[in-house]
Each structure stands twice: as structure tokens, then as C-alpha cells.
């Protein structure tokens, strides 16, 4: 696990910075990706290509995080318009 973390942490972090345009959000995204990766490997499932799995997890988490951010922005703007 340490090898995967060492090899992919900064790759995922810099990708996340590009996706989020925000260092704090990128750190959250990167941490969430590694939590998901470690949870996946705890299930003891055989993986053919680890890199493909890592990027698939990263993309899926980014999509979920982006969806949540968008929802919050929509709610915020709706509430501002009511005031």
C-alpha cells in the first residue's frame, strides 16, 4: 500500500487541483480517493491493472464531489433569491 501511495499521491493531487481549481478541495479529493483505494484493497479483490482502478476511483469520487458542490451552489443561489 505504501508503494501505491508514494507512486500516485502527487499524480492524483495535481490532477485534482486541475479539476477543482482549489488546493483545499484537491486535498480532500485526494484523501477520499486513497481512502476508497485502501477500502477496495481491504476487500481482497483481485485487480489486473491497479493504475486503471486508481484512476477510475479518482474520477468517480471527483464526479460525486463535483455533484455535491453544484447542489450546494444551486441551493445557495436559490436561498439568496428568496431573501
N, C-alpha and C. Protein backbone atom coordinates (compact mmCIF):
# COMPACT_ATOMS: atom_id res chain seq x y z
N UNK A 1 0.81 -1.20 0.00
CA UNK A 1 0.00 0.00 0.00
C UNK A 1 0.85 1.26 0.00
N UNK A 2 1.97 1.24 0.74
CA UNK A 2 2.83 2.41 0.78
C UNK A 2 3.37 2.74 -0.60
N UNK A 3 3.67 1.70 -1.38
CA UNK A 3 4.20 1.91 -2.74
C UNK A 3 3.16 2.61 -3.62
N UNK A 4 1.92 2.18 -3.52
CA UNK A 4 0.84 2.80 -4.30
C UNK A 4 0.67 4.25 -3.88
N UNK A 5 0.65 4.49 -2.58
CA UNK A 5 0.50 5.85 -2.07
C UNK A 5 1.64 6.73 -2.57
N UNK A 6 2.87 6.25 -2.41
CA UNK A 6 4.04 7.03 -2.83
C UNK A 6 4.04 7.30 -4.33
N UNK A 7 3.63 6.33 -5.11
CA UNK A 7 3.66 6.48 -6.57
C UNK A 7 2.54 7.36 -7.11
N UNK A 8 1.37 7.33 -6.48
CA UNK A 8 0.21 8.00 -7.07
C UNK A 8 -0.27 9.25 -6.34
N UNK A 9 0.21 9.49 -5.13
CA UNK A 9 -0.33 10.61 -4.37
C UNK A 9 -0.24 11.93 -5.14
N UNK A 10 0.95 12.29 -5.57
CA UNK A 10 1.11 13.59 -6.24
C UNK A 10 0.47 13.60 -7.62
N UNK A 11 0.42 12.48 -8.30
CA UNK A 11 -0.26 12.41 -9.59
C UNK A 11 -1.75 12.72 -9.41
N UNK A 12 -2.34 12.10 -8.41
CA UNK A 12 -3.76 12.32 -8.16
C UNK A 12 -3.99 13.74 -7.63
N UNK A 13 -3.11 14.19 -6.75
CA UNK A 13 -3.26 15.54 -6.20
C UNK A 13 -3.22 16.60 -7.29
N UNK A 14 -2.24 16.54 -8.19
CA UNK A 14 -2.15 17.56 -9.25
C UNK A 14 -3.31 17.45 -10.23
N UNK A 15 -3.78 16.25 -10.48
CA UNK A 15 -4.98 16.06 -11.31
C UNK A 15 -6.18 16.70 -10.61
N UNK A 16 -6.27 16.49 -9.30
CA UNK A 16 -7.38 17.04 -8.53
C UNK A 16 -7.34 18.56 -8.50
N UNK A 17 -6.15 19.15 -8.42
CA UNK A 17 -6.03 20.61 -8.45
C UNK A 17 -6.57 21.15 -9.77
N UNK A 18 -6.24 20.47 -10.86
CA UNK A 18 -6.74 20.90 -12.17
C UNK A 18 -8.27 20.78 -12.24
N UNK A 19 -8.80 19.73 -11.67
CA UNK A 19 -10.25 19.50 -11.73
C UNK A 19 -11.03 20.46 -10.83
N UNK A 20 -10.48 20.76 -9.65
CA UNK A 20 -11.23 21.55 -8.68
C UNK A 20 -10.87 23.04 -8.68
N UNK A 21 -9.70 23.37 -9.22
CA UNK A 21 -9.20 24.75 -9.19
C UNK A 21 -9.09 25.28 -7.77
N UNK A 22 -8.85 24.39 -6.83
CA UNK A 22 -8.80 24.77 -5.42
C UNK A 22 -7.95 23.75 -4.67
N UNK A 23 -6.91 24.23 -3.99
CA UNK A 23 -5.99 23.30 -3.32
C UNK A 23 -6.64 22.55 -2.17
N UNK A 24 -7.50 23.21 -1.42
CA UNK A 24 -8.16 22.53 -0.30
C UNK A 24 -9.10 21.44 -0.79
N UNK A 25 -9.88 21.75 -1.83
CA UNK A 25 -10.77 20.73 -2.40
C UNK A 25 -9.96 19.59 -3.01
N UNK A 26 -8.82 19.92 -3.61
CA UNK A 26 -7.95 18.90 -4.19
C UNK A 26 -7.39 17.97 -3.12
N UNK A 27 -7.03 18.54 -1.97
CA UNK A 27 -6.55 17.71 -0.85
C UNK A 27 -7.65 16.78 -0.36
N UNK A 28 -8.86 17.31 -0.23
CA UNK A 28 -9.99 16.48 0.19
C UNK A 28 -10.25 15.36 -0.81
N UNK A 29 -10.24 15.71 -2.08
CA UNK A 29 -10.47 14.73 -3.13
C UNK A 29 -9.39 13.66 -3.10
N UNK A 30 -8.15 14.07 -2.99
CA UNK A 30 -7.04 13.11 -2.97
C UNK A 30 -7.16 12.18 -1.77
N UNK A 31 -7.46 12.73 -0.61
CA UNK A 31 -7.62 11.89 0.58
C UNK A 31 -8.78 10.91 0.43
N UNK A 32 -9.88 11.38 -0.12
CA UNK A 32 -11.04 10.50 -0.34
C UNK A 32 -10.72 9.38 -1.32
N UNK A 33 -9.91 9.70 -2.33
CA UNK A 33 -9.51 8.68 -3.31
C UNK A 33 -8.70 7.59 -2.63
N UNK A 34 -7.74 7.98 -1.80
CA UNK A 34 -6.91 6.96 -1.15
C UNK A 34 -7.68 6.17 -0.11
N UNK A 35 -8.62 6.79 0.55
CA UNK A 35 -9.47 6.03 1.48
C UNK A 35 -10.24 4.96 0.69
N UNK A 36 -10.79 5.34 -0.45
CA UNK A 36 -11.54 4.40 -1.28
C UNK A 36 -10.63 3.29 -1.83
N UNK A 37 -9.43 3.66 -2.23
CA UNK A 37 -8.48 2.66 -2.75
C UNK A 37 -8.14 1.65 -1.66
N UNK A 38 -7.83 2.13 -0.46
CA UNK A 38 -7.47 1.23 0.63
C UNK A 38 -8.67 0.37 1.04
N UNK A 39 -9.87 0.95 1.05
CA UNK A 39 -11.07 0.16 1.33
C UNK A 39 -11.25 -0.94 0.29
N UNK A 40 -10.99 -0.61 -0.96
CA UNK A 40 -11.14 -1.58 -2.05
C UNK A 40 -10.17 -2.75 -1.84
N UNK A 41 -8.93 -2.44 -1.51
CA UNK A 41 -7.94 -3.49 -1.33
C UNK A 41 -8.19 -4.30 -0.06
N UNK A 42 -8.88 -3.73 0.91
CA UNK A 42 -9.25 -4.49 2.11
C UNK A 42 -10.23 -5.61 1.79
N UNK A 43 -10.95 -5.45 0.69
CA UNK A 43 -11.92 -6.47 0.29
C UNK A 43 -11.25 -7.68 -0.35
N UNK A 44 -9.94 -7.58 -0.57
CA UNK A 44 -9.14 -8.69 -1.11
C UNK A 44 -9.65 -9.15 -2.48
N UNK A 45 -9.95 -8.19 -3.34
CA UNK A 45 -10.41 -8.47 -4.69
C UNK A 45 -9.21 -8.42 -5.62
N UNK A 46 -9.12 -9.37 -6.51
CA UNK A 46 -8.01 -9.42 -7.47
C UNK A 46 -8.16 -8.30 -8.50
N UNK A 47 -7.09 -7.54 -8.72
CA UNK A 47 -7.09 -6.43 -9.65
C UNK A 47 -6.03 -6.67 -10.71
N UNK A 48 -6.44 -6.61 -11.98
CA UNK A 48 -5.48 -6.83 -13.06
C UNK A 48 -4.58 -5.62 -13.28
N UNK A 49 -5.17 -4.44 -13.38
CA UNK A 49 -4.39 -3.23 -13.63
C UNK A 49 -4.71 -2.22 -12.54
N UNK A 50 -3.81 -2.09 -11.61
CA UNK A 50 -4.02 -1.22 -10.46
C UNK A 50 -4.19 0.24 -10.90
N UNK A 51 -3.40 0.67 -11.86
CA UNK A 51 -3.48 2.07 -12.29
C UNK A 51 -4.86 2.40 -12.84
N UNK A 52 -5.43 1.50 -13.62
CA UNK A 52 -6.78 1.74 -14.15
C UNK A 52 -7.80 1.86 -13.02
N UNK A 53 -7.68 1.01 -12.03
CA UNK A 53 -8.58 1.06 -10.88
C UNK A 53 -8.44 2.38 -10.13
N UNK A 54 -7.21 2.81 -9.90
CA UNK A 54 -6.95 4.05 -9.18
C UNK A 54 -7.59 5.23 -9.88
N UNK A 55 -7.40 5.33 -11.19
CA UNK A 55 -7.96 6.47 -11.92
C UNK A 55 -9.48 6.38 -12.04
N UNK A 56 -10.01 5.18 -12.11
CA UNK A 56 -11.47 5.03 -12.13
C UNK A 56 -12.07 5.50 -10.81
N UNK A 57 -11.45 5.10 -9.71
CA UNK A 57 -11.91 5.54 -8.39
C UNK A 57 -11.80 7.05 -8.28
N UNK A 58 -10.67 7.62 -8.71
CA UNK A 58 -10.46 9.07 -8.64
C UNK A 58 -11.53 9.80 -9.43
N UNK A 59 -11.81 9.35 -10.63
CA UNK A 59 -12.81 10.00 -11.48
C UNK A 59 -14.20 9.92 -10.85
N UNK A 60 -14.55 8.75 -10.34
CA UNK A 60 -15.88 8.58 -9.74
C UNK A 60 -16.06 9.45 -8.50
N UNK A 61 -15.03 9.55 -7.69
CA UNK A 61 -15.11 10.39 -6.50
C UNK A 61 -15.17 11.86 -6.89
N UNK A 62 -14.41 12.25 -7.89
CA UNK A 62 -14.46 13.64 -8.36
C UNK A 62 -15.86 13.97 -8.86
N UNK A 63 -16.47 13.08 -9.62
CA UNK A 63 -17.83 13.32 -10.12
C UNK A 63 -18.81 13.49 -8.97
N UNK A 64 -18.71 12.64 -7.97
CA UNK A 64 -19.61 12.74 -6.82
C UNK A 64 -19.37 14.04 -6.05
N UNK A 65 -18.12 14.40 -5.88
CA UNK A 65 -17.79 15.63 -5.16
C UNK A 65 -18.25 16.85 -5.95
N UNK A 66 -18.06 16.85 -7.26
CA UNK A 66 -18.49 17.96 -8.10
C UNK A 66 -20.02 18.10 -8.06
N UNK A 67 -20.71 16.98 -8.05
CA UNK A 67 -22.17 17.00 -7.98
C UNK A 67 -22.64 17.62 -6.68
N UNK A 68 -21.99 17.27 -5.58
CA UNK A 68 -22.35 17.84 -4.27
C UNK A 68 -22.08 19.34 -4.21
N UNK A 69 -20.96 19.76 -4.77
CA UNK A 69 -20.63 21.19 -4.80
C UNK A 69 -21.66 21.95 -5.62
N UNK A 70 -22.03 21.39 -6.76
CA UNK A 70 -23.03 22.03 -7.62
C UNK A 70 -24.37 22.15 -6.90
N UNK A 71 -24.77 21.11 -6.20
CA UNK A 71 -26.02 21.16 -5.44
C UNK A 71 -25.99 22.28 -4.41
N UNK A 72 -24.87 22.39 -3.68
CA UNK A 72 -24.74 23.43 -2.67
C UNK A 72 -24.82 24.82 -3.28
N UNK A 73 -24.21 25.00 -4.45
CA UNK A 73 -24.25 26.30 -5.12
C UNK A 73 -25.66 26.64 -5.57
N UNK A 74 -26.36 25.65 -6.09
CA UNK A 74 -27.73 25.88 -6.54
C UNK A 74 -28.61 26.27 -5.35
N UNK A 75 -28.48 25.55 -4.26
CA UNK A 75 -29.26 25.86 -3.07
C UNK A 75 -28.92 27.25 -2.55
N UNK A 76 -27.64 27.58 -2.54
CA UNK A 76 -27.19 28.90 -2.07
C UNK A 76 -27.83 30.00 -2.92
N UNK A 77 -27.79 29.85 -4.23
CA UNK A 77 -28.36 30.88 -5.11
C UNK A 77 -29.88 30.94 -4.99
N UNK A 78 -30.51 29.81 -4.79
CA UNK A 78 -31.95 29.82 -4.59
C UNK A 78 -32.32 30.55 -3.32
N UNK A 79 -31.55 30.32 -2.26
CA UNK A 79 -31.83 30.98 -0.98
C UNK A 79 -31.57 32.48 -1.08
N UNK A 80 -30.55 32.88 -1.81
CA UNK A 80 -30.25 34.31 -1.97
C UNK A 80 -31.39 35.01 -2.71
N UNK A 81 -31.98 34.32 -3.67
CA UNK A 81 -33.06 34.92 -4.45
C UNK A 81 -34.35 35.05 -3.64
N UNK A 82 -34.48 34.24 -2.58
CA UNK A 82 -35.68 34.32 -1.74
C UNK A 82 -35.61 35.48 -0.75
N UNK A 83 -34.41 35.91 -0.45
CA UNK A 83 -34.25 36.98 0.55
C UNK A 83 -34.50 38.34 -0.04
